[in-house]
Amino acid sequence: MKAKPNVALLVGGTSPEREVSKLSGKGVLKALKALGYPTTIVDPAYGLNQPKEEESFFAEKDFAEISNRNCIDAINSDLLNNIDVVFSAMHGKWAEDGTIQSLLELRGLKYTGSKVAASAVAMDKNISKRIFKQVGVNTANWSTISDKSLEPIIVVNQIKKEIGFPCIIKPNDQGSTVGLKFVKDESEVEEGIFLALQYSSKVLVEKYIAGREIAIGILGSEALPVLEIIPKSGLYDYKSKYTPGMSEYIVPAQIPDNVTAEAQRQALLAFQSLGCEGYGRVDLRMNDQNEIFCLEVNTLPGMTSLSLVPKAAKAIGILFEELIDRIIQQEING
């Protein structure tokens, strides 16, 4: 019997989604063990100073000081010697924007998920939406703000002219709705911009699409069943995503077959148009006329108990361990 490939599991990192990554990593590690993959856990944010105990990688309190410089040291070290494939359970800026991927490429290591260019493009919401428009993927109207010195009244007038209220204000290059605000009217614009600028130098202002929140997982070249999210708060924000009981999930979504097919078509087109591969998740909105609007593509979606891709895969009989195995084998055999 052929020996299982040696896997390095990357967890943690330095993004605002560090804690979510630990949750994903814990779930992936359990699956890797059950599948029999020899696994080395690495938190690049710790550099060469890695915990000795497995539990310390997933503890709420950090084991040691973290930094982006440490990530360079970790990827360039002996920690990844004799590794056949890297499974990244990291999320957010520096983790899925092509940064870590570039370091892995320089080491000549295979790794799961999208590669450097696709990762960078997918993380940049403005560039992604420009590509969506070009290839015929429907997306909500938007504009960007990169000048921090702009007077709020100028921004308000720009939103009135180009977007309208209500709208969504969020960082241009973050995930997990970090820094996102639903803005009802012009009185909330300044607060929304201030929040978004805490996480990015560029702010995206997007028309709010009233209707239903849906997501479609991608596995290889296949669109998984449409999943509907019903947040109790009315807005699928960070709290709704990661607090048990704050959202209801329906998969497959109870929508007409023709709408399901169109949503899957647009999701797969959006994913492929950015050059993404392996697996991912496409977030969309559907209005009362059943029109689909693509919001963004996530190249390293969550792998927690609340995560959407595992839920969608399970709906067609792909259990969590098989999902992780498929993701690894795609890269090994690709």
C-alpha atoms as a PDB file:
ATOM      1  CA  MET A   1       0.000   0.000   0.000  1.00  0.00           C
ATOM      2  CA  LYS A   2       1.305   3.427  -0.965  1.00  0.00           C
ATOM      3  CA  ALA A   3       2.187   5.587   2.041  1.00  0.00           C
ATOM      4  CA  LYS A   4      -0.003   8.604   2.722  1.00  0.00           C
ATOM      5  CA  PRO A   5       1.604  11.940   1.832  1.00  0.00           C
ATOM      6  CA  ASN A   6       3.015  14.057   4.648  1.00  0.00           C
ATOM      7  CA  VAL A   7       0.751  17.056   5.302  1.00  0.00           C
ATOM      8  CA  ALA A   8       1.618  20.378   6.901  1.00  0.00           C
ATOM      9  CA  LEU A   9      -1.476  22.017   8.391  1.00  0.00           C
ATOM     10  CA  LEU A  10      -1.186  25.806   8.560  1.00  0.00           C
ATOM     11  CA  VAL A  11      -3.308  27.445  11.239  1.00  0.00           C
ATOM     12  CA  GLY A  12      -3.553  30.820  12.925  1.00  0.00           C
ATOM     13  CA  GLY A  13      -1.635  33.516  11.096  1.00  0.00           C
ATOM     14  CA  THR A  14      -1.793  37.240  11.796  1.00  0.00           C
ATOM     15  CA  SER A  15      -5.068  38.360  10.200  1.00  0.00           C
ATOM     16  CA  PRO A  16      -8.160  39.485  12.152  1.00  0.00           C
ATOM     17  CA  GLU A  17      -9.496  35.991  11.391  1.00  0.00           C
ATOM     18  CA  ARG A  18      -6.797  34.260  13.454  1.00  0.00           C
ATOM     19  CA  GLU A  19      -9.274  32.792  15.951  1.00  0.00           C
ATOM     20  CA  VAL A  20     -11.559  31.516  13.200  1.00  0.00           C
ATOM     21  CA  SER A  21      -8.539  29.878  11.581  1.00  0.00           C
ATOM     22  CA  LYS A  22      -7.807  28.017  14.811  1.00  0.00           C
ATOM     23  CA  LEU A  23     -11.350  26.626  14.753  1.00  0.00           C
ATOM     24  CA  SER A  24     -10.980  25.565  11.122  1.00  0.00           C
ATOM     25  CA  GLY A  25      -7.601  24.011  11.863  1.00  0.00           C
ATOM     26  CA  LYS A  26      -8.960  21.991  14.746  1.00  0.00           C
ATOM     27  CA  GLY A  27     -11.651  20.484  12.524  1.00  0.00           C
ATOM     28  CA  VAL A  28      -9.259  19.773   9.656  1.00  0.00           C
ATOM     29  CA  LEU A  29      -6.709  18.170  11.997  1.00  0.00           C
ATOM     30  CA  LYS A  30      -9.323  15.777  13.366  1.00  0.00           C
ATOM     31  CA  ALA A  31     -10.192  14.736   9.800  1.00  0.00           C
ATOM     32  CA  LEU A  32      -6.539  14.338   8.786  1.00  0.00           C
ATOM     33  CA  LYS A  33      -5.917  12.054  11.751  1.00  0.00           C
ATOM     34  CA  ALA A  34      -8.966   9.953  10.949  1.00  0.00           C
ATOM     35  CA  LEU A  35      -7.789   9.687   7.332  1.00  0.00           C
ATOM     36  CA  GLY A  36      -4.323   8.552   8.404  1.00  0.00           C
ATOM     37  CA  TYR A  37      -2.321  11.486   7.023  1.00  0.00           C
ATOM     38  CA  PRO A  38       0.953  12.109   8.880  1.00  0.00           C
ATOM     39  CA  THR A  39       0.431  15.739   9.886  1.00  0.00           C
ATOM     40  CA  THR A  40       2.700  18.531  11.095  1.00  0.00           C
ATOM     41  CA  ILE A  41       0.902  21.562  12.537  1.00  0.00           C
ATOM     42  CA  VAL A  42       2.516  24.947  11.872  1.00  0.00           C
ATOM     43  CA  ASP A  43       1.309  28.384  12.954  1.00  0.00           C
ATOM     44  CA  PRO A  44       3.436  30.653  10.745  1.00  0.00           C
ATOM     45  CA  ALA A  45       2.782  33.621  13.049  1.00  0.00           C
ATOM     46  CA  TYR A  46       4.984  31.986  15.710  1.00  0.00           C
ATOM     47  CA  GLY A  47       7.943  31.667  13.374  1.00  0.00           C
ATOM     48  CA  LEU A  48      10.527  29.157  14.609  1.00  0.00           C
ATOM     49  CA  ASN A  49       9.048  29.179  18.119  1.00  0.00           C
ATOM     50  CA  GLN A  50       6.304  26.591  17.590  1.00  0.00           C
ATOM     51  CA  PRO A  51       4.325  25.052  20.481  1.00  0.00           C
ATOM     52  CA  LYS A  52       5.340  21.574  21.582  1.00  0.00           C
ATOM     53  CA  GLU A  53       1.804  20.610  22.616  1.00  0.00           C
ATOM     54  CA  GLU A  54      -0.927  20.197  19.991  1.00  0.00           C
ATOM     55  CA  GLU A  55      -3.515  21.901  22.178  1.00  0.00           C
ATOM     56  CA  SER A  56      -1.445  25.097  22.313  1.00  0.00           C
ATOM     57  CA  PHE A  57      -1.988  25.713  18.584  1.00  0.00           C
ATOM     58  CA  PHE A  58      -5.724  26.037  19.186  1.00  0.00           C
ATOM     59  CA  ALA A  59      -5.751  27.728  22.586  1.00  0.00           C
ATOM     60  CA  GLU A  60      -7.571  31.025  22.963  1.00  0.00           C
ATOM     61  CA  LYS A  61      -4.482  32.697  24.404  1.00  0.00           C
ATOM     62  CA  ASP A  62      -1.505  32.888  22.031  1.00  0.00           C
ATOM     63  CA  PHE A  63       1.455  30.699  22.882  1.00  0.00           C
ATOM     64  CA  ALA A  64       4.001  33.438  22.038  1.00  0.00           C
ATOM     65  CA  GLU A  65       4.340  36.753  20.243  1.00  0.00           C
ATOM     66  CA  ILE A  66       3.050  36.738  16.673  1.00  0.00           C
ATOM     67  CA  SER A  67       4.175  38.772  13.656  1.00  0.00           C
ATOM     68  CA  ASN A  68       4.230  38.824   9.873  1.00  0.00           C
ATOM     69  CA  ARG A  69       8.038  38.582   9.945  1.00  0.00           C
ATOM     70  CA  ASN A  70       7.657  35.293  11.826  1.00  0.00           C
ATOM     71  CA  CYS A  71       5.597  33.934   8.920  1.00  0.00           C
ATOM     72  CA  ILE A  72       8.540  34.380   6.553  1.00  0.00           C
ATOM     73  CA  ASP A  73      10.862  32.596   8.990  1.00  0.00           C
ATOM     74  CA  ALA A  74       8.436  29.695   9.499  1.00  0.00           C
ATOM     75  CA  ILE A  75       7.797  28.986   5.820  1.00  0.00           C
ATOM     76  CA  ASN A  76      11.519  29.235   5.060  1.00  0.00           C
ATOM     77  CA  SER A  77      12.526  26.884   7.891  1.00  0.00           C
ATOM     78  CA  ASP A  78      13.066  23.178   8.439  1.00  0.00           C
ATOM     79  CA  LEU A  79       9.494  22.965   9.767  1.00  0.00           C
ATOM     80  CA  LEU A  80       8.316  22.230   6.226  1.00  0.00           C
ATOM     81  CA  ASN A  81      11.069  19.823   5.249  1.00  0.00           C
ATOM     82  CA  ASN A  82       9.786  16.476   3.920  1.00  0.00           C
ATOM     83  CA  ILE A  83       6.272  17.842   3.457  1.00  0.00           C
ATOM     84  CA  ASP A  84       4.357  16.607   0.397  1.00  0.00           C
ATOM     85  CA  VAL A  85       1.423  18.997   0.548  1.00  0.00           C
ATOM     86  CA  VAL A  86       0.385  21.962   2.671  1.00  0.00           C
ATOM     87  CA  PHE A  87      -3.229  22.297   3.786  1.00  0.00           C
ATOM     88  CA  SER A  88      -3.876  25.905   4.709  1.00  0.00           C
ATOM     89  CA  ALA A  89      -6.651  26.461   7.250  1.00  0.00           C
ATOM     90  CA  MET A  90      -5.698  30.126   7.504  1.00  0.00           C
ATOM     91  CA  HIS A  91      -8.118  32.900   6.603  1.00  0.00           C
ATOM     92  CA  GLY A  92      -8.115  36.586   5.748  1.00  0.00           C
ATOM     93  CA  LYS A  93      -5.449  39.119   4.846  1.00  0.00           C
ATOM     94  CA  TRP A  94      -1.920  37.697   4.401  1.00  0.00           C
ATOM     95  CA  ALA A  95      -3.411  34.195   4.599  1.00  0.00           C
ATOM     96  CA  GLU A  96      -5.520  33.955   1.455  1.00  0.00           C
ATOM     97  CA  ASP A  97      -4.461  37.009  -0.552  1.00  0.00           C
ATOM     98  CA  GLY A  98      -1.465  35.353  -2.217  1.00  0.00           C
ATOM     99  CA  THR A  99       1.089  36.280   0.464  1.00  0.00           C
ATOM    100  CA  ILE A 100       1.538  32.880   2.128  1.00  0.00           C
ATOM    101  CA  GLN A 101       0.943  31.239  -1.236  1.00  0.00           C
ATOM    102  CA  SER A 102       3.931  33.141  -2.659  1.00  0.00           C
ATOM    103  CA  LEU A 103       6.178  31.916   0.142  1.00  0.00           C
ATOM    104  CA  LEU A 104       5.040  28.328  -0.417  1.00  0.00           C
ATOM    105  CA  GLU A 105       5.698  28.686  -4.151  1.00  0.00           C
ATOM    106  CA  LEU A 106       9.236  29.873  -3.416  1.00  0.00           C
ATOM    107  CA  ARG A 107       9.749  26.757  -1.283  1.00  0.00           C
ATOM    108  CA  GLY A 108       8.484  24.610  -4.160  1.00  0.00           C
ATOM    109  CA  LEU A 109       5.695  23.189  -2.003  1.00  0.00           C
ATOM    110  CA  LYS A 110       2.310  21.986  -3.189  1.00  0.00           C
ATOM    111  CA  TYR A 111      -0.585  23.550  -1.311  1.00  0.00           C
ATOM    112  CA  THR A 112      -4.360  23.321  -1.315  1.00  0.00           C
ATOM    113  CA  GLY A 113      -6.627  26.004  -2.716  1.00  0.00           C
ATOM    114  CA  SER A 114      -6.115  28.741  -5.272  1.00  0.00           C
ATOM    115  CA  LYS A 115      -2.668  29.872  -6.308  1.00  0.00           C
ATOM    116  CA  VAL A 116      -0.956  33.254  -5.967  1.00  0.00           C
ATOM    117  CA  ALA A 117      -2.605  35.426  -8.607  1.00  0.00           C
ATOM    118  CA  ALA A 118      -6.126  34.069  -8.123  1.00  0.00           C
ATOM    119  CA  SER A 119      -5.830  34.428  -4.347  1.00  0.00           C
ATOM    120  CA  ALA A 120      -4.737  38.057  -4.660  1.00  0.00           C
ATOM    121  CA  VAL A 121      -7.462  38.937  -7.154  1.00  0.00           C
ATOM    122  CA  ALA A 122     -10.223  37.231  -5.171  1.00  0.00           C
ATOM    123  CA  MET A 123      -9.244  39.083  -1.988  1.00  0.00           C
ATOM    124  CA  ASP A 124      -9.472  42.439  -3.778  1.00  0.00           C
ATOM    125  CA  LYS A 125     -13.243  42.958  -3.994  1.00  0.00           C
ATOM    126  CA  ASN A 126     -12.994  45.903  -6.397  1.00  0.00           C
ATOM    127  CA  ILE A 127     -10.884  43.990  -8.930  1.00  0.00           C
ATOM    128  CA  SER A 128     -13.057  40.879  -8.528  1.00  0.00           C
ATOM    129  CA  LYS A 129     -16.233  42.814  -9.270  1.00  0.00           C
ATOM    130  CA  ARG A 130     -14.651  44.393 -12.340  1.00  0.00           C
ATOM    131  CA  ILE A 131     -13.880  40.915 -13.670  1.00  0.00           C
ATOM    132  CA  PHE A 132     -17.393  39.701 -12.797  1.00  0.00           C
ATOM    133  CA  LYS A 133     -18.873  42.512 -14.898  1.00  0.00           C
ATOM    134  CA  GLN A 134     -16.554  41.708 -17.793  1.00  0.00           C
ATOM    135  CA  VAL A 135     -17.495  38.008 -17.964  1.00  0.00           C
ATOM    136  CA  GLY A 136     -21.219  38.468 -17.369  1.00  0.00           C
ATOM    137  CA  VAL A 137     -21.540  37.641 -13.673  1.00  0.00           C
ATOM    138  CA  ASN A 138     -24.201  39.859 -12.126  1.00  0.00           C
ATOM    139  CA  THR A 139     -22.912  41.911  -9.183  1.00  0.00           C
ATOM    140  CA  ALA A 140     -24.249  44.788  -7.095  1.00  0.00           C
ATOM    141  CA  ASN A 141     -23.246  48.345  -8.034  1.00  0.00           C
ATOM    142  CA  TRP A 142     -20.271  49.653  -6.087  1.00  0.00           C
ATOM    143  CA  SER A 143     -17.669  52.357  -5.752  1.00  0.00           C
ATOM    144  CA  THR A 144     -14.407  52.654  -3.814  1.00  0.00           C
ATOM    145  CA  ILE A 145     -12.911  55.241  -1.495  1.00  0.00           C
ATOM    146  CA  SER A 146      -9.159  55.377  -1.009  1.00  0.00           C
ATOM    147  CA  ASP A 147      -8.633  59.004   0.013  1.00  0.00           C
ATOM    148  CA  LYS A 148      -8.825  59.140   3.826  1.00  0.00           C
ATOM    149  CA  SER A 149      -8.934  62.946   3.747  1.00  0.00           C
ATOM    150  CA  LEU A 150     -12.242  63.149   1.841  1.00  0.00           C
ATOM    151  CA  GLU A 151     -14.922  65.142   3.643  1.00  0.00           C
ATOM    152  CA  PRO A 152     -17.896  62.971   4.664  1.00  0.00           C
ATOM    153  CA  ILE A 153     -20.299  65.167   2.681  1.00  0.00           C
ATOM    154  CA  ILE A 154     -18.352  64.429  -0.518  1.00  0.00           C
ATOM    155  CA  VAL A 155     -18.606  60.694   0.158  1.00  0.00           C
ATOM    156  CA  VAL A 156     -22.315  60.990   0.967  1.00  0.00           C
ATOM    157  CA  ASN A 157     -22.964  62.784  -2.321  1.00  0.00           C
ATOM    158  CA  GLN A 158     -20.959  60.154  -4.193  1.00  0.00           C
ATOM    159  CA  ILE A 159     -23.030  57.379  -2.611  1.00  0.00           C
ATOM    160  CA  LYS A 160     -26.285  59.191  -3.403  1.00  0.00           C
ATOM    161  CA  LYS A 161     -25.219  59.597  -7.024  1.00  0.00           C
ATOM    162  CA  GLU A 162     -23.664  56.169  -7.691  1.00  0.00           C
ATOM    163  CA  ILE A 163     -25.071  53.687  -5.149  1.00  0.00           C
ATOM    164  CA  GLY A 164     -28.033  54.906  -3.117  1.00  0.00           C
ATOM    165  CA  PHE A 165     -29.150  53.962   0.385  1.00  0.00           C
ATOM    166  CA  PRO A 166     -29.182  51.565   2.113  1.00  0.00           C
ATOM    167  CA  CYS A 167     -25.699  50.345   1.275  1.00  0.00           C
ATOM    168  CA  ILE A 168     -22.899  48.188   2.637  1.00  0.00           C
ATOM    169  CA  ILE A 169     -19.568  49.749   3.578  1.00  0.00           C
ATOM    170  CA  LYS A 170     -16.677  47.336   4.093  1.00  0.00           C
ATOM    171  CA  PRO A 171     -12.902  46.982   3.688  1.00  0.00           C
ATOM    172  CA  ASN A 172     -11.847  46.159   0.149  1.00  0.00           C
ATOM    173  CA  ASP A 173      -9.580  43.278   1.162  1.00  0.00           C
ATOM    174  CA  GLN A 174     -10.830  41.453   4.235  1.00  0.00           C
ATOM    175  CA  GLY A 175     -12.969  38.376   4.783  1.00  0.00           C
ATOM    176  CA  SER A 176     -15.551  37.120   7.286  1.00  0.00           C
ATOM    177  CA  THR A 177     -17.422  40.461   7.113  1.00  0.00           C
ATOM    178  CA  VAL A 178     -14.646  41.981   9.258  1.00  0.00           C
ATOM    179  CA  GLY A 179     -15.142  45.763   9.329  1.00  0.00           C
ATOM    180  CA  LEU A 180     -18.501  45.590   7.528  1.00  0.00           C
ATOM    181  CA  LYS A 181     -21.386  47.951   8.296  1.00  0.00           C
ATOM    182  CA  PHE A 182     -24.944  48.097   6.974  1.00  0.00           C
ATOM    183  CA  VAL A 183     -25.564  51.809   6.371  1.00  0.00           C
ATOM    184  CA  LYS A 184     -29.230  52.864   6.426  1.00  0.00           C
ATOM    185  CA  ASP A 185     -28.765  56.525   5.527  1.00  0.00           C
ATOM    186  CA  GLU A 186     -26.241  59.317   5.205  1.00  0.00           C
ATOM    187  CA  SER A 187     -25.978  59.786   8.990  1.00  0.00           C
ATOM    188  CA  GLU A 188     -24.121  56.439   9.262  1.00  0.00           C
ATOM    189  CA  VAL A 189     -21.660  56.901   6.398  1.00  0.00           C
ATOM    190  CA  GLU A 190     -18.831  58.442   8.400  1.00  0.00           C
ATOM    191  CA  GLU A 191     -19.009  55.675  11.016  1.00  0.00           C
ATOM    192  CA  GLY A 192     -18.995  52.991   8.311  1.00  0.00           C
ATOM    193  CA  ILE A 193     -15.955  54.456   6.577  1.00  0.00           C
ATOM    194  CA  PHE A 194     -14.075  54.871   9.851  1.00  0.00           C
ATOM    195  CA  LEU A 195     -14.708  51.210  10.731  1.00  0.00           C
ATOM    196  CA  ALA A 196     -13.655  49.907   7.305  1.00  0.00           C
ATOM    197  CA  LEU A 197     -10.466  51.988   7.340  1.00  0.00           C
ATOM    198  CA  GLN A 198      -9.371  50.166  10.494  1.00  0.00           C
ATOM    199  CA  TYR A 199      -8.810  47.097   8.309  1.00  0.00           C
ATOM    200  CA  SER A 200      -7.876  48.385   4.858  1.00  0.00           C
ATOM    201  CA  SER A 201      -6.529  51.430   3.031  1.00  0.00           C
ATOM    202  CA  LYS A 202      -9.368  51.119   0.510  1.00  0.00           C
ATOM    203  CA  VAL A 203     -13.096  51.069   1.292  1.00  0.00           C
ATOM    204  CA  LEU A 204     -15.774  49.419  -0.822  1.00  0.00           C
ATOM    205  CA  VAL A 205     -19.266  50.919  -0.880  1.00  0.00           C
ATOM    206  CA  GLU A 206     -21.773  48.432  -2.306  1.00  0.00           C
ATOM    207  CA  LYS A 207     -25.476  48.689  -3.026  1.00  0.00           C
ATOM    208  CA  TYR A 208     -27.460  46.646  -0.531  1.00  0.00           C
ATOM    209  CA  ILE A 209     -29.509  43.952  -2.261  1.00  0.00           C
ATOM    210  CA  ALA A 210     -32.672  43.347  -0.251  1.00  0.00           C
ATOM    211  CA  GLY A 211     -33.643  39.674  -0.299  1.00  0.00           C
ATOM    212  CA  ARG A 212     -32.017  36.366   0.612  1.00  0.00           C
ATOM    213  CA  GLU A 213     -28.436  35.463   1.528  1.00  0.00           C
ATOM    214  CA  ILE A 214     -27.123  32.434  -0.333  1.00  0.00           C
ATOM    215  CA  ALA A 215     -23.766  30.731  -0.720  1.00  0.00           C
ATOM    216  CA  ILE A 216     -22.460  28.112  -3.115  1.00  0.00           C
ATOM    217  CA  GLY A 217     -19.455  25.932  -2.400  1.00  0.00           C
ATOM    218  CA  ILE A 218     -17.150  24.930  -5.232  1.00  0.00           C
ATOM    219  CA  LEU A 219     -15.274  21.627  -5.245  1.00  0.00           C
ATOM    220  CA  GLY A 220     -13.015  21.161  -8.238  1.00  0.00           C
ATOM    221  CA  SER A 221     -15.163  22.136 -11.207  1.00  0.00           C
ATOM    222  CA  GLU A 222     -18.462  21.354  -9.489  1.00  0.00           C
ATOM    223  CA  ALA A 223     -20.886  23.796  -7.875  1.00  0.00           C
ATOM    224  CA  LEU A 224     -22.333  22.313  -4.685  1.00  0.00           C
ATOM    225  CA  PRO A 225     -25.999  22.753  -3.702  1.00  0.00           C
ATOM    226  CA  VAL A 226     -27.226  26.275  -3.014  1.00  0.00           C
ATOM    227  CA  LEU A 227     -27.252  27.024   0.705  1.00  0.00           C
ATOM    228  CA  GLU A 228     -29.475  29.716   2.191  1.00  0.00           C
ATOM    229  CA  ILE A 229     -28.464  31.585   5.330  1.00  0.00           C
ATOM    230  CA  ILE A 230     -31.114  33.140   7.554  1.00  0.00           C
ATOM    231  CA  PRO A 231     -29.406  35.298  10.204  1.00  0.00           C
ATOM    232  CA  LYS A 232     -31.549  36.019  13.260  1.00  0.00           C
ATOM    233  CA  SER A 233     -30.233  39.581  13.369  1.00  0.00           C
ATOM    234  CA  GLY A 234     -31.236  40.186   9.745  1.00  0.00           C
ATOM    235  CA  LEU A 235     -27.613  40.788   8.698  1.00  0.00           C
ATOM    236  CA  TYR A 236     -25.079  38.004   8.178  1.00  0.00           C
ATOM    237  CA  ASP A 237     -22.241  39.756   9.998  1.00  0.00           C
ATOM    238  CA  TYR A 238     -19.258  38.406  11.963  1.00  0.00           C
ATOM    239  CA  LYS A 239     -21.357  37.644  15.040  1.00  0.00           C
ATOM    240  CA  SER A 240     -24.013  35.838  12.999  1.00  0.00           C
ATOM    241  CA  LYS A 241     -21.343  33.761  11.242  1.00  0.00           C
ATOM    242  CA  TYR A 242     -19.453  32.506  14.253  1.00  0.00           C
ATOM    243  CA  THR A 243     -21.950  32.396  17.126  1.00  0.00           C
ATOM    244  CA  PRO A 244     -23.843  29.086  17.362  1.00  0.00           C
ATOM    245  CA  GLY A 245     -27.583  29.558  17.032  1.00  0.00           C
ATOM    246  CA  MET A 246     -27.365  33.039  15.488  1.00  0.00           C
ATOM    247  CA  SER A 247     -28.145  31.837  11.963  1.00  0.00           C
ATOM    248  CA  GLU A 248     -30.262  29.140  10.335  1.00  0.00           C
ATOM    249  CA  TYR A 249     -28.952  27.222   7.329  1.00  0.00           C
ATOM    250  CA  ILE A 250     -31.111  25.581   4.674  1.00  0.00           C
ATOM    251  CA  VAL A 251     -29.454  23.283   2.152  1.00  0.00           C
ATOM    252  CA  PRO A 252     -30.500  22.774  -0.505  1.00  0.00           C
ATOM    253  CA  ALA A 253     -32.150  26.194  -0.517  1.00  0.00           C
ATOM    254  CA  GLN A 254     -35.867  26.192  -1.207  1.00  0.00           C
ATOM    255  CA  ILE A 255     -35.766  28.113  -4.479  1.00  0.00           C
ATOM    256  CA  PRO A 256     -37.017  27.250  -7.979  1.00  0.00           C
ATOM    257  CA  ASP A 257     -34.910  24.785  -9.986  1.00  0.00           C
ATOM    258  CA  ASN A 258     -34.195  27.290 -12.741  1.00  0.00           C
ATOM    259  CA  VAL A 259     -32.964  29.847 -10.172  1.00  0.00           C
ATOM    260  CA  THR A 260     -30.798  27.180  -8.532  1.00  0.00           C
ATOM    261  CA  ALA A 261     -29.226  26.325 -11.889  1.00  0.00           C
ATOM    262  CA  GLU A 262     -28.583  29.993 -12.683  1.00  0.00           C
ATOM    263  CA  ALA A 263     -27.069  30.660  -9.259  1.00  0.00           C
ATOM    264  CA  GLN A 264     -24.739  27.663  -9.627  1.00  0.00           C
ATOM    265  CA  ARG A 265     -23.790  28.733 -13.147  1.00  0.00           C
ATOM    266  CA  GLN A 266     -22.918  32.253 -12.017  1.00  0.00           C
ATOM    267  CA  ALA A 267     -21.042  31.013  -8.945  1.00  0.00           C
ATOM    268  CA  LEU A 268     -18.888  28.638 -10.987  1.00  0.00           C
ATOM    269  CA  LEU A 269     -18.268  31.324 -13.617  1.00  0.00           C
ATOM    270  CA  ALA A 270     -17.260  33.820 -10.919  1.00  0.00           C
ATOM    271  CA  PHE A 271     -14.884  31.280  -9.345  1.00  0.00           C
ATOM    272  CA  GLN A 272     -13.268  30.308 -12.624  1.00  0.00           C
ATOM    273  CA  SER A 273     -13.105  33.863 -14.020  1.00  0.00           C
ATOM    274  CA  LEU A 274     -10.742  34.824 -11.191  1.00  0.00           C
ATOM    275  CA  GLY A 275      -8.558  31.795 -11.928  1.00  0.00           C
ATOM    276  CA  CYS A 276      -9.505  30.039  -8.693  1.00  0.00           C
ATOM    277  CA  GLU A 277      -9.056  26.300  -8.276  1.00  0.00           C
ATOM    278  CA  GLY A 278      -9.348  23.442  -5.807  1.00  0.00           C
ATOM    279  CA  TYR A 279     -12.228  24.549  -3.659  1.00  0.00           C
ATOM    280  CA  GLY A 280     -13.891  27.724  -2.469  1.00  0.00           C
ATOM    281  CA  ARG A 281     -17.153  29.448  -1.720  1.00  0.00           C
ATOM    282  CA  VAL A 282     -19.096  32.090  -3.599  1.00  0.00           C
ATOM    283  CA  ASP A 283     -21.320  34.469  -1.620  1.00  0.00           C
ATOM    284  CA  LEU A 284     -24.401  35.849  -3.332  1.00  0.00           C
ATOM    285  CA  ARG A 285     -27.651  37.725  -2.710  1.00  0.00           C
ATOM    286  CA  MET A 286     -31.002  36.982  -4.349  1.00  0.00           C
ATOM    287  CA  ASN A 287     -33.650  39.685  -4.574  1.00  0.00           C
ATOM    288  CA  ASP A 288     -37.436  39.274  -4.537  1.00  0.00           C
ATOM    289  CA  GLN A 289     -37.439  38.895  -8.341  1.00  0.00           C
ATOM    290  CA  ASN A 290     -35.041  35.922  -7.984  1.00  0.00           C
ATOM    291  CA  GLU A 291     -32.189  37.874  -9.577  1.00  0.00           C
ATOM    292  CA  ILE A 292     -28.755  36.694  -8.450  1.00  0.00           C
ATOM    293  CA  PHE A 293     -25.995  39.113  -7.404  1.00  0.00           C
ATOM    294  CA  CYS A 294     -22.489  37.799  -6.761  1.00  0.00           C
ATOM    295  CA  LEU A 295     -20.755  39.510  -3.848  1.00  0.00           C
ATOM    296  CA  GLU A 296     -17.375  37.796  -3.641  1.00  0.00           C
ATOM    297  CA  VAL A 297     -15.351  34.591  -3.920  1.00  0.00           C
ATOM    298  CA  ASN A 298     -13.692  33.080  -0.848  1.00  0.00           C
ATOM    299  CA  THR A 299     -10.611  31.044  -1.761  1.00  0.00           C
ATOM    300  CA  LEU A 300     -10.048  29.500   1.699  1.00  0.00           C
ATOM    301  CA  PRO A 301     -13.525  29.198   3.207  1.00  0.00           C
ATOM    302  CA  GLY A 302     -14.039  28.209   6.820  1.00  0.00           C
ATOM    303  CA  MET A 303     -13.846  24.592   7.929  1.00  0.00           C
ATOM    304  CA  THR A 304     -15.589  24.904  11.303  1.00  0.00           C
ATOM    305  CA  SER A 305     -18.736  23.161  12.562  1.00  0.00           C
ATOM    306  CA  LEU A 306     -20.712  26.180  11.341  1.00  0.00           C
ATOM    307  CA  SER A 307     -18.953  26.442   7.975  1.00  0.00           C
ATOM    308  CA  LEU A 308     -20.939  26.497   4.776  1.00  0.00           C
ATOM    309  CA  VAL A 309     -18.898  24.382   2.354  1.00  0.00           C
ATOM    310  CA  PRO A 310     -18.963  21.302   4.634  1.00  0.00           C
ATOM    311  CA  LYS A 311     -22.737  21.755   5.081  1.00  0.00           C
ATOM    312  CA  ALA A 312     -23.290  21.945   1.313  1.00  0.00           C
ATOM    313  CA  ALA A 313     -21.020  18.957   0.646  1.00  0.00           C
ATOM    314  CA  LYS A 314     -22.840  16.899   3.259  1.00  0.00           C
ATOM    315  CA  ALA A 315     -26.143  17.600   1.458  1.00  0.00           C
ATOM    316  CA  ILE A 316     -24.902  15.499  -1.475  1.00  0.00           C
ATOM    317  CA  GLY A 317     -23.359  12.797   0.690  1.00  0.00           C
ATOM    318  CA  ILE A 318     -19.796  14.077   0.984  1.00  0.00           C
ATOM    319  CA  LEU A 319     -18.947  13.882   4.681  1.00  0.00           C
ATOM    320  CA  PHE A 320     -16.307  16.133   6.223  1.00  0.00           C
ATOM    321  CA  GLU A 321     -13.450  13.627   6.125  1.00  0.00           C
ATOM    322  CA  GLU A 322     -14.096  12.817   2.473  1.00  0.00           C
ATOM    323  CA  LEU A 323     -14.213  16.526   1.676  1.00  0.00           C
ATOM    324  CA  ILE A 324     -10.792  17.082   3.254  1.00  0.00           C
ATOM    325  CA  ASP A 325      -9.431  13.993   1.463  1.00  0.00           C
ATOM    326  CA  ARG A 326     -10.717  15.216  -1.900  1.00  0.00           C
ATOM    327  CA  ILE A 327      -9.162  18.640  -1.397  1.00  0.00           C
ATOM    328  CA  ILE A 328      -5.772  17.070  -0.664  1.00  0.00           C
ATOM    329  CA  GLN A 329      -5.951  14.529  -3.464  1.00  0.00           C
ATOM    330  CA  GLN A 330      -6.884  17.234  -5.986  1.00  0.00           C
ATOM    331  CA  GLU A 331      -3.578  18.945  -5.216  1.00  0.00           C
ATOM    332  CA  ILE A 332      -1.485  15.761  -5.004  1.00  0.00           C
ATOM    333  CA  ASN A 333      -2.801  14.415  -8.292  1.00  0.00           C
ATOM    334  CA  GLY A 334      -3.308  17.722 -10.056  1.00  0.00           C
END
